[in-house]
Amino acid sequence: ITKCRWQFRNYGWVKVNVDGSVSTFKPRAAIGKMVRGLNGSWMGGSKMVVGLANFFKIEARALLEGLKFA
């Protein structure tokens, strides 16, 4: 088991996390994104519901939204 935790970044950098998920009960998917600062502090984030698509398209859309957000 690997333990994951926040890694400190160099000055001037931020970390963008994105993820997509697909509901098994409703015909929709969601994308979440957030930005963390130098010391791991939350700088911003959002979520959005998108139309249902295959999981490859949802993950690609999450990546695109994260890049636009940054």
N, C-alpha and C. Protein backbone atom coordinates (compact mmCIF):
# COMPACT_ATOMS: atom_id res chain seq x y z
N ILE A 1 0.86 -1.18 0.00
CA ILE A 1 0.00 0.00 0.00
C ILE A 1 0.89 1.23 0.00
N THR A 2 0.58 2.16 -0.88
CA THR A 2 1.32 3.41 -0.96
C THR A 2 0.49 4.51 -0.30
N LYS A 3 1.10 5.26 0.58
CA LYS A 3 0.39 6.35 1.24
C LYS A 3 0.60 7.62 0.44
N CYS A 4 -0.48 8.23 -0.02
CA CYS A 4 -0.40 9.46 -0.80
C CYS A 4 -0.69 10.65 0.10
N ARG A 5 0.04 11.71 -0.10
CA ARG A 5 -0.20 12.94 0.64
C ARG A 5 0.34 14.10 -0.16
N TRP A 6 0.02 15.28 0.28
CA TRP A 6 0.44 16.49 -0.41
C TRP A 6 1.96 16.60 -0.43
N GLN A 7 2.50 16.90 -1.59
CA GLN A 7 3.93 17.14 -1.75
C GLN A 7 4.13 18.64 -1.92
N PHE A 8 5.03 19.25 -1.16
CA PHE A 8 5.29 20.68 -1.30
C PHE A 8 5.87 20.97 -2.68
N ARG A 9 5.43 22.06 -3.26
CA ARG A 9 5.86 22.46 -4.59
C ARG A 9 6.85 23.61 -4.51
N ASN A 10 7.53 23.86 -5.59
CA ASN A 10 8.43 25.00 -5.67
C ASN A 10 7.64 26.29 -5.70
N TYR A 11 8.26 27.38 -5.26
CA TYR A 11 7.61 28.68 -5.25
C TYR A 11 7.11 29.03 -6.65
N GLY A 12 5.90 29.57 -6.72
CA GLY A 12 5.32 29.98 -7.99
C GLY A 12 4.50 28.91 -8.69
N TRP A 13 4.45 27.70 -8.14
CA TRP A 13 3.70 26.62 -8.76
C TRP A 13 2.42 26.34 -7.97
N VAL A 14 1.42 25.83 -8.64
CA VAL A 14 0.20 25.35 -8.01
C VAL A 14 -0.05 23.94 -8.52
N LYS A 15 -0.90 23.23 -7.81
CA LYS A 15 -1.26 21.87 -8.23
C LYS A 15 -2.75 21.85 -8.56
N VAL A 16 -3.08 21.33 -9.73
CA VAL A 16 -4.47 21.23 -10.17
C VAL A 16 -4.87 19.76 -10.13
N ASN A 17 -5.94 19.44 -9.42
CA ASN A 17 -6.47 18.08 -9.37
C ASN A 17 -7.82 18.09 -10.08
N VAL A 18 -8.04 17.11 -10.94
CA VAL A 18 -9.31 16.96 -11.62
C VAL A 18 -9.72 15.49 -11.59
N ASP A 19 -11.02 15.26 -11.68
CA ASP A 19 -11.51 13.89 -11.76
C ASP A 19 -12.90 13.92 -12.36
N GLY A 20 -13.25 12.85 -13.02
CA GLY A 20 -14.58 12.70 -13.57
C GLY A 20 -15.22 11.45 -12.98
N SER A 21 -16.54 11.47 -12.89
CA SER A 21 -17.25 10.30 -12.38
C SER A 21 -18.55 10.13 -13.13
N VAL A 22 -18.99 8.89 -13.23
CA VAL A 22 -20.22 8.57 -13.93
C VAL A 22 -21.17 7.89 -12.95
N SER A 23 -22.41 8.36 -12.92
CA SER A 23 -23.40 7.79 -12.02
C SER A 23 -23.90 6.45 -12.56
N THR A 24 -24.09 5.51 -11.65
CA THR A 24 -24.68 4.23 -12.06
C THR A 24 -26.20 4.25 -11.93
N PHE A 25 -26.74 5.32 -11.32
CA PHE A 25 -28.18 5.42 -11.10
C PHE A 25 -28.87 6.45 -11.98
N LYS A 26 -28.15 7.46 -12.41
CA LYS A 26 -28.75 8.52 -13.22
C LYS A 26 -27.95 8.69 -14.51
N PRO A 27 -28.59 9.13 -15.57
CA PRO A 27 -27.89 9.29 -16.86
C PRO A 27 -27.08 10.58 -16.94
N ARG A 28 -26.09 10.71 -16.09
CA ARG A 28 -25.24 11.89 -16.11
C ARG A 28 -23.87 11.59 -15.51
N ALA A 29 -22.98 12.53 -15.73
CA ALA A 29 -21.62 12.41 -15.20
C ALA A 29 -21.25 13.74 -14.56
N ALA A 30 -20.20 13.74 -13.75
CA ALA A 30 -19.76 14.96 -13.08
C ALA A 30 -18.25 15.10 -13.18
N ILE A 31 -17.81 16.36 -13.14
CA ILE A 31 -16.38 16.67 -13.17
C ILE A 31 -16.09 17.59 -12.00
N GLY A 32 -15.04 17.28 -11.25
CA GLY A 32 -14.62 18.12 -10.15
C GLY A 32 -13.19 18.58 -10.37
N LYS A 33 -12.90 19.81 -9.95
CA LYS A 33 -11.54 20.33 -10.11
C LYS A 33 -11.20 21.22 -8.94
N MET A 34 -9.93 21.24 -8.57
CA MET A 34 -9.48 22.10 -7.48
C MET A 34 -8.02 22.47 -7.69
N VAL A 35 -7.63 23.59 -7.09
CA VAL A 35 -6.26 24.08 -7.17
C VAL A 35 -5.73 24.23 -5.75
N ARG A 36 -4.52 23.74 -5.53
CA ARG A 36 -3.85 23.88 -4.24
C ARG A 36 -2.60 24.73 -4.43
N GLY A 37 -2.31 25.54 -3.43
CA GLY A 37 -1.15 26.42 -3.47
C GLY A 37 0.12 25.77 -2.98
N LEU A 38 1.11 26.61 -2.76
CA LEU A 38 2.45 26.17 -2.40
C LEU A 38 2.47 25.26 -1.16
N ASN A 39 1.72 25.61 -0.12
CA ASN A 39 1.74 24.83 1.12
C ASN A 39 0.59 23.83 1.22
N GLY A 40 -0.11 23.60 0.11
CA GLY A 40 -1.22 22.66 0.11
C GLY A 40 -2.56 23.30 0.42
N SER A 41 -2.58 24.62 0.60
CA SER A 41 -3.83 25.31 0.91
C SER A 41 -4.76 25.33 -0.30
N TRP A 42 -6.04 25.23 -0.04
CA TRP A 42 -7.05 25.24 -1.09
C TRP A 42 -7.17 26.63 -1.65
N MET A 43 -7.01 26.78 -2.98
CA MET A 43 -7.10 28.09 -3.62
C MET A 43 -8.41 28.26 -4.39
N GLY A 44 -9.03 27.19 -4.77
CA GLY A 44 -10.28 27.28 -5.51
C GLY A 44 -10.66 25.93 -6.07
N GLY A 45 -11.90 25.84 -6.50
CA GLY A 45 -12.37 24.60 -7.07
C GLY A 45 -13.80 24.74 -7.51
N SER A 46 -14.26 23.75 -8.23
CA SER A 46 -15.65 23.74 -8.67
C SER A 46 -16.02 22.34 -9.12
N LYS A 47 -17.30 22.17 -9.37
CA LYS A 47 -17.79 20.91 -9.91
C LYS A 47 -18.84 21.24 -10.95
N MET A 48 -19.05 20.33 -11.85
CA MET A 48 -20.06 20.54 -12.88
C MET A 48 -20.64 19.20 -13.30
N VAL A 49 -21.92 19.22 -13.63
CA VAL A 49 -22.59 18.03 -14.14
C VAL A 49 -22.62 18.13 -15.65
N VAL A 50 -22.24 17.06 -16.30
CA VAL A 50 -22.19 17.04 -17.77
C VAL A 50 -23.02 15.88 -18.27
N GLY A 51 -23.31 15.89 -19.56
CA GLY A 51 -24.08 14.80 -20.15
C GLY A 51 -23.32 13.49 -20.09
N LEU A 52 -24.06 12.43 -20.11
CA LEU A 52 -23.46 11.11 -20.01
C LEU A 52 -22.65 10.78 -21.26
N ALA A 53 -21.49 10.24 -21.07
CA ALA A 53 -20.62 9.79 -22.15
C ALA A 53 -19.79 8.64 -21.59
N ASN A 54 -18.98 8.02 -22.43
CA ASN A 54 -18.16 6.94 -21.89
C ASN A 54 -17.08 7.55 -20.99
N PHE A 55 -16.51 6.74 -20.13
CA PHE A 55 -15.60 7.26 -19.11
C PHE A 55 -14.34 7.88 -19.69
N PHE A 56 -13.91 7.44 -20.89
CA PHE A 56 -12.74 8.07 -21.52
C PHE A 56 -13.04 9.53 -21.86
N LYS A 57 -14.23 9.79 -22.38
CA LYS A 57 -14.61 11.15 -22.73
C LYS A 57 -14.78 12.01 -21.48
N ILE A 58 -15.30 11.44 -20.41
CA ILE A 58 -15.47 12.19 -19.16
C ILE A 58 -14.11 12.56 -18.59
N GLU A 59 -13.18 11.63 -18.56
CA GLU A 59 -11.84 11.92 -18.03
C GLU A 59 -11.11 12.94 -18.91
N ALA A 60 -11.27 12.84 -20.23
CA ALA A 60 -10.65 13.82 -21.13
C ALA A 60 -11.25 15.20 -20.91
N ARG A 61 -12.56 15.26 -20.72
CA ARG A 61 -13.22 16.54 -20.45
C ARG A 61 -12.76 17.11 -19.12
N ALA A 62 -12.57 16.26 -18.12
CA ALA A 62 -12.07 16.72 -16.82
C ALA A 62 -10.70 17.33 -16.98
N LEU A 63 -9.84 16.71 -17.75
CA LEU A 63 -8.51 17.24 -18.00
C LEU A 63 -8.58 18.61 -18.69
N LEU A 64 -9.42 18.72 -19.71
CA LEU A 64 -9.59 19.99 -20.41
C LEU A 64 -10.10 21.08 -19.48
N GLU A 65 -11.10 20.77 -18.67
CA GLU A 65 -11.65 21.74 -17.73
C GLU A 65 -10.60 22.17 -16.70
N GLY A 66 -9.78 21.23 -16.25
CA GLY A 66 -8.71 21.55 -15.31
C GLY A 66 -7.68 22.49 -15.92
N LEU A 67 -7.33 22.27 -17.18
CA LEU A 67 -6.39 23.15 -17.86
C LEU A 67 -6.97 24.55 -18.03
N LYS A 68 -8.24 24.62 -18.39
CA LYS A 68 -8.88 25.94 -18.53
C LYS A 68 -8.98 26.64 -17.17
N PHE A 69 -9.22 25.87 -16.12
CA PHE A 69 -9.35 26.42 -14.77
C PHE A 69 -8.02 26.99 -14.28
N ALA A 70 -6.93 26.31 -14.63
CA ALA A 70 -5.60 26.76 -14.20
C ALA A 70 -5.24 28.06 -14.89
